Every structure is written in structure tokens, then in C-alpha cells.
Amino acid sequence: MAKSFTVRVLSNKLGQSAVEYILLLAVLSSLGYTFYNNKKLKEFLKGQDGMFASMKKGMSYSYRYGLELKKDTPYEEKKDFGYESNQHDTYLNQEDGQSRFFTGKDPYGQ
């Protein structure tokens, strides 16, 4: 009698999906815990040279100047620019030595 009861309970698959979801949750939480406590990942994300700090610098520079922040750009000098001269990065193309803006070939009439 015990044998037939055990076979009948195991052949019933009503709780299988719940067990699968619980196991999947356990695997995902253990992977998340492993990544969260990884020392190299924390160093990559945090600090002055971390991923988010470099994203902040790049986004603020591109918002201010309309250009992409390159690795050789002195960000700290550009951050406190006075804007009184034509050396502004949005205005002057340093590689060509010309303005990024254009005007008509002939002056406008009166």
C-alpha cells in the first residue's frame, strides 16, 4: 500500500513549476550575491576612476561642448573655462585651427 501511494504522489506534477521557480530564484540570487561581493567589480564601479565617474565626466563634457570627451582631453582644465576667448571647444576646432561654424561667402547686403 505504501508503494502505490508513493508512485501516485510522484506522478502528480502540480508542484513542479513552483519548485522550478524556487530553484531558479536560488541560482539567480547566488549569482547576484557572488557578483555583488566581488572585489574587482567594486573597484571597477566605485572611486574617482570608476565606470560611473568616467561616465559622469563624459556626459557633462558632451552636454557642455557638444563633443565627445577623448582620453587625451584635459577635463579639469576644460571644466573651469572662462568663455571670454575663441578657444572654446565648441567654437574652435583645434585640429584644423578654424571655427566649427560657417558663414556666407559674401557679406549680406544692407
PDB file of N, CA and C in Angstrom:
ATOM      1  N   MET A   1       0.815  -1.184   0.000  1.00  0.00           N
ATOM      2  CA  MET A   1       0.000   0.000   0.000  1.00  0.00           C
ATOM      3  C   MET A   1       0.864   1.256   0.000  1.00  0.00           C
ATOM      4  N   ALA A   2       1.962   1.271   0.720  1.00  0.00           N
ATOM      5  CA  ALA A   2       2.847   2.423   0.758  1.00  0.00           C
ATOM      6  C   ALA A   2       3.476   2.648  -0.600  1.00  0.00           C
ATOM      7  N   LYS A   3       3.743   1.576  -1.313  1.00  0.00           N
ATOM      8  CA  LYS A   3       4.361   1.693  -2.622  1.00  0.00           C
ATOM      9  C   LYS A   3       3.432   2.374  -3.617  1.00  0.00           C
ATOM     10  N   SER A   4       2.188   2.041  -3.648  1.00  0.00           N
ATOM     11  CA  SER A   4       1.241   2.646  -4.592  1.00  0.00           C
ATOM     12  C   SER A   4       0.989   4.118  -4.257  1.00  0.00           C
ATOM     13  N   PHE A   5       0.984   4.472  -2.970  1.00  0.00           N
ATOM     14  CA  PHE A   5       0.796   5.868  -2.568  1.00  0.00           C
ATOM     15  C   PHE A   5       1.983   6.731  -3.012  1.00  0.00           C
ATOM     16  N   THR A   6       3.196   6.253  -2.887  1.00  0.00           N
ATOM     17  CA  THR A   6       4.406   6.981  -3.280  1.00  0.00           C
ATOM     18  C   THR A   6       4.424   7.197  -4.789  1.00  0.00           C
ATOM     19  N   VAL A   7       4.088   6.200  -5.545  1.00  0.00           N
ATOM     20  CA  VAL A   7       4.071   6.329  -7.003  1.00  0.00           C
ATOM     21  C   VAL A   7       3.012   7.333  -7.428  1.00  0.00           C
ATOM     22  N   ARG A   8       1.875   7.318  -6.781  1.00  0.00           N
ATOM     23  CA  ARG A   8       0.795   8.234  -7.136  1.00  0.00           C
ATOM     24  C   ARG A   8       1.165   9.690  -6.818  1.00  0.00           C
ATOM     25  N   VAL A   9       1.878   9.953  -5.724  1.00  0.00           N
ATOM     26  CA  VAL A   9       2.276  11.308  -5.354  1.00  0.00           C
ATOM     27  C   VAL A   9       3.356  11.812  -6.316  1.00  0.00           C
ATOM     28  N   LEU A  10       4.291  10.976  -6.681  1.00  0.00           N
ATOM     29  CA  LEU A  10       5.360  11.394  -7.578  1.00  0.00           C
ATOM     30  C   LEU A  10       4.880  11.598  -9.005  1.00  0.00           C
ATOM     31  N   SER A  11       3.845  10.903  -9.426  1.00  0.00           N
ATOM     32  CA  SER A  11       3.347  11.079 -10.790  1.00  0.00           C
ATOM     33  C   SER A  11       2.511  12.349 -10.924  1.00  0.00           C
ATOM     34  N   ASN A  12       2.086  12.934  -9.828  1.00  0.00           N
ATOM     35  CA  ASN A  12       1.329  14.174  -9.847  1.00  0.00           C
ATOM     36  C   ASN A  12       2.302  15.340 -10.050  1.00  0.00           C
ATOM     37  N   LYS A  13       2.137  16.162 -11.085  1.00  0.00           N
ATOM     38  CA  LYS A  13       3.090  17.224 -11.447  1.00  0.00           C
ATOM     39  C   LYS A  13       2.546  18.618 -11.148  1.00  0.00           C
ATOM     40  N   LEU A  14       1.691  18.733 -10.171  1.00  0.00           N
ATOM     41  CA  LEU A  14       1.098  20.037  -9.872  1.00  0.00           C
ATOM     42  C   LEU A  14       2.104  21.015  -9.277  1.00  0.00           C
ATOM     43  N   GLY A  15       3.064  20.591  -8.493  1.00  0.00           N
ATOM     44  CA  GLY A  15       4.010  21.485  -7.841  1.00  0.00           C
ATOM     45  C   GLY A  15       5.341  21.635  -8.561  1.00  0.00           C
ATOM     46  N   GLN A  16       5.458  21.049  -9.736  1.00  0.00           N
ATOM     47  CA  GLN A  16       6.746  21.069 -10.442  1.00  0.00           C
ATOM     48  C   GLN A  16       7.160  22.478 -10.848  1.00  0.00           C
ATOM     49  N   SER A  17       6.260  23.269 -11.368  1.00  0.00           N
ATOM     50  CA  SER A  17       6.633  24.617 -11.811  1.00  0.00           C
ATOM     51  C   SER A  17       7.035  25.497 -10.619  1.00  0.00           C
ATOM     52  N   ALA A  18       6.359  25.322  -9.484  1.00  0.00           N
ATOM     53  CA  ALA A  18       6.728  26.093  -8.294  1.00  0.00           C
ATOM     54  C   ALA A  18       8.138  25.729  -7.832  1.00  0.00           C
ATOM     55  N   VAL A  19       8.461  24.456  -7.857  1.00  0.00           N
ATOM     56  CA  VAL A  19       9.800  24.020  -7.463  1.00  0.00           C
ATOM     57  C   VAL A  19      10.840  24.553  -8.443  1.00  0.00           C
ATOM     58  N   GLU A  20      10.530  24.547  -9.725  1.00  0.00           N
ATOM     59  CA  GLU A  20      11.467  25.079 -10.723  1.00  0.00           C
ATOM     60  C   GLU A  20      11.713  26.573 -10.519  1.00  0.00           C
ATOM     61  N   TYR A  21      10.685  27.329 -10.220  1.00  0.00           N
ATOM     62  CA  TYR A  21      10.856  28.765  -9.971  1.00  0.00           C
ATOM     63  C   TYR A  21      11.677  29.016  -8.713  1.00  0.00           C
ATOM     64  N   ILE A  22      11.474  28.220  -7.682  1.00  0.00           N
ATOM     65  CA  ILE A  22      12.249  28.369  -6.454  1.00  0.00           C
ATOM     66  C   ILE A  22      13.716  28.066  -6.712  1.00  0.00           C
ATOM     67  N   LEU A  23      14.005  27.018  -7.479  1.00  0.00           N
ATOM     68  CA  LEU A  23      15.389  26.678  -7.804  1.00  0.00           C
ATOM     69  C   LEU A  23      16.031  27.764  -8.673  1.00  0.00           C
ATOM     70  N   LEU A  24      15.280  28.299  -9.633  1.00  0.00           N
ATOM     71  CA  LEU A  24      15.789  29.370 -10.472  1.00  0.00           C
ATOM     72  C   LEU A  24      16.087  30.614  -9.646  1.00  0.00           C
ATOM     73  N   LEU A  25      15.223  30.941  -8.717  1.00  0.00           N
ATOM     74  CA  LEU A  25      15.452  32.072  -7.825  1.00  0.00           C
ATOM     75  C   LEU A  25      16.694  31.853  -6.964  1.00  0.00           C
ATOM     76  N   ALA A  26      16.899  30.643  -6.505  1.00  0.00           N
ATOM     77  CA  ALA A  26      18.082  30.339  -5.701  1.00  0.00           C
ATOM     78  C   ALA A  26      19.357  30.501  -6.527  1.00  0.00           C
ATOM     79  N   VAL A  27      19.350  30.042  -7.770  1.00  0.00           N
ATOM     80  CA  VAL A  27      20.529  30.172  -8.629  1.00  0.00           C
ATOM     81  C   VAL A  27      20.808  31.634  -8.934  1.00  0.00           C
ATOM     82  N   LEU A  28      19.785  32.408  -9.287  1.00  0.00           N
ATOM     83  CA  LEU A  28      19.976  33.819  -9.608  1.00  0.00           C
ATOM     84  C   LEU A  28      20.427  34.620  -8.395  1.00  0.00           C
ATOM     85  N   SER A  29      19.894  34.319  -7.234  1.00  0.00           N
ATOM     86  CA  SER A  29      20.316  35.064  -6.042  1.00  0.00           C
ATOM     87  C   SER A  29      21.757  34.716  -5.663  1.00  0.00           C
ATOM     88  N   SER A  30      22.167  33.466  -5.849  1.00  0.00           N
ATOM     89  CA  SER A  30      23.562  33.120  -5.546  1.00  0.00           C
ATOM     90  C   SER A  30      24.515  33.775  -6.541  1.00  0.00           C
ATOM     91  N   LEU A  31      24.142  33.862  -7.811  1.00  0.00           N
ATOM     92  CA  LEU A  31      24.968  34.562  -8.792  1.00  0.00           C
ATOM     93  C   LEU A  31      25.049  36.056  -8.479  1.00  0.00           C
ATOM     94  N   GLY A  32      23.930  36.647  -8.123  1.00  0.00           N
ATOM     95  CA  GLY A  32      23.919  38.061  -7.755  1.00  0.00           C
ATOM     96  C   GLY A  32      24.770  38.337  -6.531  1.00  0.00           C
ATOM     97  N   TYR A  33      24.699  37.477  -5.546  1.00  0.00           N
ATOM     98  CA  TYR A  33      25.500  37.637  -4.336  1.00  0.00           C
ATOM     99  C   TYR A  33      26.984  37.515  -4.655  1.00  0.00           C
ATOM    100  N   THR A  34      27.322  36.584  -5.546  1.00  0.00           N
ATOM    101  CA  THR A  34      28.722  36.400  -5.935  1.00  0.00           C
ATOM    102  C   THR A  34      29.260  37.636  -6.638  1.00  0.00           C
ATOM    103  N   PHE A  35      28.498  38.202  -7.577  1.00  0.00           N
ATOM    104  CA  PHE A  35      28.943  39.401  -8.285  1.00  0.00           C
ATOM    105  C   PHE A  35      28.972  40.616  -7.369  1.00  0.00           C
ATOM    106  N   TYR A  36      28.027  40.709  -6.469  1.00  0.00           N
ATOM    107  CA  TYR A  36      27.958  41.862  -5.571  1.00  0.00           C
ATOM    108  C   TYR A  36      29.161  41.907  -4.638  1.00  0.00           C
ATOM    109  N   ASN A  37      29.658  40.773  -4.207  1.00  0.00           N
ATOM    110  CA  ASN A  37      30.784  40.724  -3.271  1.00  0.00           C
ATOM    111  C   ASN A  37      32.126  40.583  -3.968  1.00  0.00           C
ATOM    112  N   ASN A  38      32.186  40.737  -5.265  1.00  0.00           N
ATOM    113  CA  ASN A  38      33.441  40.621  -5.999  1.00  0.00           C
ATOM    114  C   ASN A  38      34.246  41.912  -5.822  1.00  0.00           C
ATOM    115  N   LYS A  39      35.487  41.790  -5.380  1.00  0.00           N
ATOM    116  CA  LYS A  39      36.323  42.957  -5.098  1.00  0.00           C
ATOM    117  C   LYS A  39      36.666  43.728  -6.376  1.00  0.00           C
ATOM    118  N   LYS A  40      36.986  43.023  -7.447  1.00  0.00           N
ATOM    119  CA  LYS A  40      37.349  43.700  -8.699  1.00  0.00           C
ATOM    120  C   LYS A  40      36.164  44.457  -9.288  1.00  0.00           C
ATOM    121  N   LEU A  41      34.982  43.899  -9.177  1.00  0.00           N
ATOM    122  CA  LEU A  41      33.795  44.599  -9.685  1.00  0.00           C
ATOM    123  C   LEU A  41      33.530  45.868  -8.882  1.00  0.00           C
ATOM    124  N   LYS A  42      33.713  45.806  -7.566  1.00  0.00           N
ATOM    125  CA  LYS A  42      33.514  47.002  -6.741  1.00  0.00           C
ATOM    126  C   LYS A  42      34.519  48.084  -7.093  1.00  0.00           C
ATOM    127  N   GLU A  43      35.778  47.700  -7.343  1.00  0.00           N
ATOM    128  CA  GLU A  43      36.791  48.682  -7.734  1.00  0.00           C
ATOM    129  C   GLU A  43      36.471  49.284  -9.098  1.00  0.00           C
ATOM    130  N   PHE A  44      35.906  48.485  -9.992  1.00  0.00           N
ATOM    131  CA  PHE A  44      35.553  48.972 -11.329  1.00  0.00           C
ATOM    132  C   PHE A  44      34.431  49.997 -11.273  1.00  0.00           C
ATOM    133  N   LEU A  45      33.467  49.792 -10.404  1.00  0.00           N
ATOM    134  CA  LEU A  45      32.307  50.673 -10.339  1.00  0.00           C
ATOM    135  C   LEU A  45      32.513  51.892  -9.463  1.00  0.00           C
ATOM    136  N   LYS A  46      33.322  51.775  -8.416  1.00  0.00           N
ATOM    137  CA  LYS A  46      33.454  52.860  -7.447  1.00  0.00           C
ATOM    138  C   LYS A  46      34.703  53.686  -7.697  1.00  0.00           C
ATOM    139  N   GLY A  47      34.835  54.735  -6.902  1.00  0.00           N
ATOM    140  CA  GLY A  47      36.052  55.526  -6.877  1.00  0.00           C
ATOM    141  C   GLY A  47      36.074  56.645  -7.895  1.00  0.00           C
ATOM    142  N   GLN A  48      37.185  57.370  -7.880  1.00  0.00           N
ATOM    143  CA  GLN A  48      37.365  58.514  -8.772  1.00  0.00           C
ATOM    144  C   GLN A  48      37.584  58.093 -10.215  1.00  0.00           C
ATOM    145  N   ASP A  49      38.108  56.909 -10.424  1.00  0.00           N
ATOM    146  CA  ASP A  49      38.379  56.428 -11.780  1.00  0.00           C
ATOM    147  C   ASP A  49      37.439  55.310 -12.185  1.00  0.00           C
ATOM    148  N   GLY A  50      36.356  55.127 -11.466  1.00  0.00           N
ATOM    149  CA  GLY A  50      35.425  54.047 -11.761  1.00  0.00           C
ATOM    150  C   GLY A  50      34.577  54.346 -12.985  1.00  0.00           C
ATOM    151  N   MET A  51      33.771  53.380 -13.346  1.00  0.00           N
ATOM    152  CA  MET A  51      32.939  53.470 -14.540  1.00  0.00           C
ATOM    153  C   MET A  51      31.955  54.644 -14.453  1.00  0.00           C
ATOM    154  N   PHE A  52      31.293  54.797 -13.317  1.00  0.00           N
ATOM    155  CA  PHE A  52      30.288  55.851 -13.198  1.00  0.00           C
ATOM    156  C   PHE A  52      30.915  57.242 -13.168  1.00  0.00           C
ATOM    157  N   ALA A  53      32.112  57.358 -12.581  1.00  0.00           N
ATOM    158  CA  ALA A  53      32.800  58.654 -12.571  1.00  0.00           C
ATOM    159  C   ALA A  53      33.212  59.049 -13.986  1.00  0.00           C
ATOM    160  N   SER A  54      33.708  58.101 -14.762  1.00  0.00           N
ATOM    161  CA  SER A  54      34.099  58.423 -16.136  1.00  0.00           C
ATOM    162  C   SER A  54      32.879  58.706 -17.004  1.00  0.00           C
ATOM    163  N   MET A  55      31.769  58.022 -16.747  1.00  0.00           N
ATOM    164  CA  MET A  55      30.538  58.328 -17.486  1.00  0.00           C
ATOM    165  C   MET A  55      30.044  59.729 -17.165  1.00  0.00           C
ATOM    166  N   LYS A  56      30.153  60.135 -15.899  1.00  0.00           N
ATOM    167  CA  LYS A  56      29.720  61.466 -15.492  1.00  0.00           C
ATOM    168  C   LYS A  56      30.553  62.539 -16.184  1.00  0.00           C
ATOM    169  N   LYS A  57      31.879  62.341 -16.224  1.00  0.00           N
ATOM    170  CA  LYS A  57      32.740  63.305 -16.903  1.00  0.00           C
ATOM    171  C   LYS A  57      32.404  63.392 -18.382  1.00  0.00           C
ATOM    172  N   GLY A  58      32.255  62.252 -19.036  1.00  0.00           N
ATOM    173  CA  GLY A  58      31.967  62.238 -20.466  1.00  0.00           C
ATOM    174  C   GLY A  58      30.630  62.875 -20.798  1.00  0.00           C
ATOM    175  N   MET A  59      29.624  62.590 -19.978  1.00  0.00           N
ATOM    176  CA  MET A  59      28.295  63.149 -20.246  1.00  0.00           C
ATOM    177  C   MET A  59      28.262  64.656 -20.001  1.00  0.00           C
ATOM    178  N   SER A  60      28.926  65.112 -18.939  1.00  0.00           N
ATOM    179  CA  SER A  60      28.917  66.552 -18.685  1.00  0.00           C
ATOM    180  C   SER A  60      29.714  67.302 -19.745  1.00  0.00           C
ATOM    181  N   TYR A  61      30.819  66.731 -20.213  1.00  0.00           N
ATOM    182  CA  TYR A  61      31.608  67.379 -21.269  1.00  0.00           C
ATOM    183  C   TYR A  61      30.827  67.424 -22.582  1.00  0.00           C
ATOM    184  N   SER A  62      30.190  66.329 -22.947  1.00  0.00           N
ATOM    185  CA  SER A  62      29.445  66.324 -24.206  1.00  0.00           C
ATOM    186  C   SER A  62      28.217  67.230 -24.138  1.00  0.00           C
ATOM    187  N   TYR A  63      27.620  67.369 -22.951  1.00  0.00           N
ATOM    188  CA  TYR A  63      26.495  68.286 -22.805  1.00  0.00           C
ATOM    189  C   TYR A  63      26.962  69.732 -22.936  1.00  0.00           C
ATOM    190  N   ARG A  64      28.102  70.058 -22.345  1.00  0.00           N
ATOM    191  CA  ARG A  64      28.605  71.423 -22.359  1.00  0.00           C
ATOM    192  C   ARG A  64      29.145  71.826 -23.724  1.00  0.00           C
ATOM    193  N   TYR A  65      29.925  70.952 -24.367  1.00  0.00           N
ATOM    194  CA  TYR A  65      30.620  71.324 -25.591  1.00  0.00           C
ATOM    195  C   TYR A  65      30.030  70.716 -26.862  1.00  0.00           C
ATOM    196  N   GLY A  66      29.162  69.752 -26.740  1.00  0.00           N
ATOM    197  CA  GLY A  66      28.599  69.112 -27.927  1.00  0.00           C
ATOM    198  C   GLY A  66      29.587  68.193 -28.622  1.00  0.00           C
ATOM    199  N   LEU A  67      30.629  67.785 -27.914  1.00  0.00           N
ATOM    200  CA  LEU A  67      31.672  66.919 -28.457  1.00  0.00           C
ATOM    201  C   LEU A  67      31.909  65.754 -27.511  1.00  0.00           C
ATOM    202  N   GLU A  68      32.473  64.693 -28.067  1.00  0.00           N
ATOM    203  CA  GLU A  68      32.796  63.541 -27.245  1.00  0.00           C
ATOM    204  C   GLU A  68      34.089  63.785 -26.468  1.00  0.00           C
ATOM    205  N   LEU A  69      34.121  63.379 -25.212  1.00  0.00           N
ATOM    206  CA  LEU A  69      35.321  63.516 -24.393  1.00  0.00           C
ATOM    207  C   LEU A  69      36.314  62.429 -24.788  1.00  0.00           C
ATOM    208  N   LYS A  70      37.474  62.854 -25.257  1.00  0.00           N
ATOM    209  CA  LYS A  70      38.515  61.905 -25.638  1.00  0.00           C
ATOM    210  C   LYS A  70      39.464  61.698 -24.468  1.00  0.00           C
ATOM    211  N   LYS A  71      40.225  60.625 -24.508  1.00  0.00           N
ATOM    212  CA  LYS A  71      41.108  60.289 -23.388  1.00  0.00           C
ATOM    213  C   LYS A  71      42.196  61.326 -23.174  1.00  0.00           C
ATOM    214  N   ASP A  72      42.657  61.980 -24.246  1.00  0.00           N
ATOM    215  CA  ASP A  72      43.741  62.955 -24.098  1.00  0.00           C
ATOM    216  C   ASP A  72      43.243  64.364 -23.786  1.00  0.00           C
ATOM    217  N   THR A  73      41.946  64.568 -23.629  1.00  0.00           N
ATOM    218  CA  THR A  73      41.388  65.875 -23.316  1.00  0.00           C
ATOM    219  C   THR A  73      41.592  66.190 -21.833  1.00  0.00           C
ATOM    220  N   PRO A  74      42.194  67.338 -21.495  1.00  0.00           N
ATOM    221  CA  PRO A  74      42.373  67.697 -20.074  1.00  0.00           C
ATOM    222  C   PRO A  74      41.046  68.179 -19.487  1.00  0.00           C
ATOM    223  N   TYR A  75      40.293  67.268 -18.911  1.00  0.00           N
ATOM    224  CA  TYR A  75      38.943  67.561 -18.446  1.00  0.00           C
ATOM    225  C   TYR A  75      38.923  68.626 -17.365  1.00  0.00           C
ATOM    226  N   GLU A  76      39.833  68.560 -16.401  1.00  0.00           N
ATOM    227  CA  GLU A  76      39.817  69.510 -15.279  1.00  0.00           C
ATOM    228  C   GLU A  76      40.070  70.935 -15.745  1.00  0.00           C
ATOM    229  N   GLU A  77      40.911  71.128 -16.766  1.00  0.00           N
ATOM    230  CA  GLU A  77      41.151  72.469 -17.312  1.00  0.00           C
ATOM    231  C   GLU A  77      39.926  72.964 -18.078  1.00  0.00           C
ATOM    232  N   LYS A  78      39.281  72.082 -18.809  1.00  0.00           N
ATOM    233  CA  LYS A  78      38.120  72.469 -19.611  1.00  0.00           C
ATOM    234  C   LYS A  78      36.912  72.766 -18.741  1.00  0.00           C
ATOM    235  N   LYS A  79      36.849  72.151 -17.572  1.00  0.00           N
ATOM    236  CA  LYS A  79      35.695  72.321 -16.700  1.00  0.00           C
ATOM    237  C   LYS A  79      35.557  73.756 -16.214  1.00  0.00           C
ATOM    238  N   ASP A  80      36.671  74.430 -15.978  1.00  0.00           N
ATOM    239  CA  ASP A  80      36.648  75.792 -15.438  1.00  0.00           C
ATOM    240  C   ASP A  80      37.027  76.831 -16.489  1.00  0.00           C
ATOM    241  N   PHE A  81      36.635  76.629 -17.712  1.00  0.00           N
ATOM    242  CA  PHE A  81      36.979  77.535 -18.809  1.00  0.00           C
ATOM    243  C   PHE A  81      36.228  78.854 -18.651  1.00  0.00           C
ATOM    244  N   GLY A  82      36.877  79.974 -18.995  1.00  0.00           N
ATOM    245  CA  GLY A  82      36.299  81.301 -18.784  1.00  0.00           C
ATOM    246  C   GLY A  82      35.342  81.755 -19.868  1.00  0.00           C
ATOM    247  N   TYR A  83      35.389  81.220 -21.054  1.00  0.00           N
ATOM    248  CA  TYR A  83      34.493  81.538 -22.172  1.00  0.00           C
ATOM    249  C   TYR A  83      34.641  82.964 -22.701  1.00  0.00           C
ATOM    250  N   GLU A  84      35.738  83.665 -22.402  1.00  0.00           N
ATOM    251  CA  GLU A  84      35.917  85.016 -22.918  1.00  0.00           C
ATOM    252  C   GLU A  84      36.628  85.016 -24.276  1.00  0.00           C
ATOM    253  N   SER A  85      37.314  83.954 -24.617  1.00  0.00           N
ATOM    254  CA  SER A  85      38.073  83.910 -25.870  1.00  0.00           C
ATOM    255  C   SER A  85      37.424  82.949 -26.862  1.00  0.00           C
ATOM    256  N   ASN A  86      38.050  82.857 -28.026  1.00  0.00           N
ATOM    257  CA  ASN A  86      37.520  81.951 -29.048  1.00  0.00           C
ATOM    258  C   ASN A  86      38.119  80.547 -28.920  1.00  0.00           C
ATOM    259  N   GLN A  87      38.796  80.249 -27.823  1.00  0.00           N
ATOM    260  CA  GLN A  87      39.410  78.936 -27.628  1.00  0.00           C
ATOM    261  C   GLN A  87      38.430  77.905 -27.062  1.00  0.00           C
ATOM    262  N   HIS A  88      37.175  78.246 -27.006  1.00  0.00           N
ATOM    263  CA  HIS A  88      36.134  77.340 -26.528  1.00  0.00           C
ATOM    264  C   HIS A  88      36.041  76.142 -27.466  1.00  0.00           C
ATOM    265  N   ASP A  89      35.930  74.932 -26.911  1.00  0.00           N
ATOM    266  CA  ASP A  89      35.938  73.720 -27.732  1.00  0.00           C
ATOM    267  C   ASP A  89      34.775  73.642 -28.710  1.00  0.00           C
ATOM    268  N   THR A  90      33.640  74.218 -28.351  1.00  0.00           N
ATOM    269  CA  THR A  90      32.516  74.186 -29.276  1.00  0.00           C
ATOM    270  C   THR A  90      32.779  75.087 -30.473  1.00  0.00           C
ATOM    271  N   TYR A  91      33.455  76.199 -30.250  1.00  0.00           N
ATOM    272  CA  TYR A  91      33.693  77.164 -31.316  1.00  0.00           C
ATOM    273  C   TYR A  91      34.896  76.799 -32.177  1.00  0.00           C
ATOM    274  N   LEU A  92      36.028  76.478 -31.577  1.00  0.00           N
ATOM    275  CA  LEU A  92      37.274  76.308 -32.313  1.00  0.00           C
ATOM    276  C   LEU A  92      37.619  74.836 -32.477  1.00  0.00           C
ATOM    277  N   ASN A  93      37.879  74.447 -33.706  1.00  0.00           N
ATOM    278  CA  ASN A  93      38.369  73.114 -33.998  1.00  0.00           C
ATOM    279  C   ASN A  93      39.893  73.159 -33.899  1.00  0.00           C
ATOM    280  N   GLN A  94      40.454  72.588 -32.842  1.00  0.00           N
ATOM    281  CA  GLN A  94      41.889  72.676 -32.585  1.00  0.00           C
ATOM    282  C   GLN A  94      42.712  71.998 -33.674  1.00  0.00           C
ATOM    283  N   GLU A  95      42.208  70.922 -34.260  1.00  0.00           N
ATOM    284  CA  GLU A  95      42.962  70.190 -35.279  1.00  0.00           C
ATOM    285  C   GLU A  95      43.112  70.998 -36.558  1.00  0.00           C
ATOM    286  N   ASP A  96      42.051  71.693 -36.988  1.00  0.00           N
ATOM    287  CA  ASP A  96      42.087  72.480 -38.218  1.00  0.00           C
ATOM    288  C   ASP A  96      42.458  73.935 -37.977  1.00  0.00           C
ATOM    289  N   GLY A  97      42.331  74.404 -36.741  1.00  0.00           N
ATOM    290  CA  GLY A  97      42.600  75.798 -36.437  1.00  0.00           C
ATOM    291  C   GLY A  97      41.530  76.726 -36.986  1.00  0.00           C
ATOM    292  N   GLN A  98      40.320  76.206 -37.207  1.00  0.00           N
ATOM    293  CA  GLN A  98      39.223  77.002 -37.756  1.00  0.00           C
ATOM    294  C   GLN A  98      38.004  76.874 -36.861  1.00  0.00           C
ATOM    295  N   SER A  99      37.065  77.765 -37.109  1.00  0.00           N
ATOM    296  CA  SER A  99      35.816  77.731 -36.372  1.00  0.00           C
ATOM    297  C   SER A  99      34.983  76.533 -36.834  1.00  0.00           C
ATOM    298  N   ARG A 100      34.193  76.002 -35.951  1.00  0.00           N
ATOM    299  CA  ARG A 100      33.275  74.923 -36.314  1.00  0.00           C
ATOM    300  C   ARG A 100      32.022  75.480 -37.001  1.00  0.00           C
ATOM    301  N   PHE A 101      31.830  76.798 -36.931  1.00  0.00           N
ATOM    302  CA  PHE A 101      30.666  77.423 -37.536  1.00  0.00           C
ATOM    303  C   PHE A 101      31.029  77.947 -38.925  1.00  0.00           C
ATOM    304  N   PHE A 102      30.047  78.230 -39.709  1.00  0.00           N
ATOM    305  CA  PHE A 102      30.307  78.715 -41.059  1.00  0.00           C
ATOM    306  C   PHE A 102      29.441  79.934 -41.340  1.00  0.00           C
ATOM    307  N   THR A 103      29.878  80.745 -42.279  1.00  0.00           N
ATOM    308  CA  THR A 103      29.132  81.925 -42.682  1.00  0.00           C
ATOM    309  C   THR A 103      29.032  81.928 -44.187  1.00  0.00           C
ATOM    310  N   GLY A 104      28.329  82.889 -44.709  1.00  0.00           N
ATOM    311  CA  GLY A 104      28.204  83.007 -46.151  1.00  0.00           C
ATOM    312  C   GLY A 104      29.516  83.468 -46.787  1.00  0.00           C
ATOM    313  N   LYS A 105      29.674  83.168 -48.046  1.00  0.00           N
ATOM    314  CA  LYS A 105      30.909  83.552 -48.749  1.00  0.00           C
ATOM    315  C   LYS A 105      30.992  85.052 -48.909  1.00  0.00           C
ATOM    316  N   ASP A 106      29.880  85.689 -49.264  1.00  0.00           N
ATOM    317  CA  ASP A 106      29.825  87.138 -49.437  1.00  0.00           C
ATOM    318  C   ASP A 106      29.027  87.741 -48.274  1.00  0.00           C
ATOM    319  N   PRO A 107      29.366  88.975 -47.861  1.00  0.00           N
ATOM    320  CA  PRO A 107      28.610  89.612 -46.777  1.00  0.00           C
ATOM    321  C   PRO A 107      27.178  89.910 -47.220  1.00  0.00           C
ATOM    322  N   TYR A 108      26.275  89.946 -46.273  1.00  0.00           N
ATOM    323  CA  TYR A 108      24.883  90.244 -46.567  1.00  0.00           C
ATOM    324  C   TYR A 108      24.742  91.718 -46.976  1.00  0.00           C
ATOM    325  N   GLY A 109      23.786  91.955 -47.823  1.00  0.00           N
ATOM    326  CA  GLY A 109      23.544  93.337 -48.283  1.00  0.00           C
ATOM    327  C   GLY A 109      22.872  94.163 -47.191  1.00  0.00           C
ATOM    328  N   GLN A 110      22.975  95.478 -47.368  1.00  0.00           N
ATOM    329  CA  GLN A 110      22.397  96.408 -46.400  1.00  0.00           C
ATOM    330  C   GLN A 110      20.913  96.459 -46.511  1.00  0.00           C
TER     331      GLN A 110
END
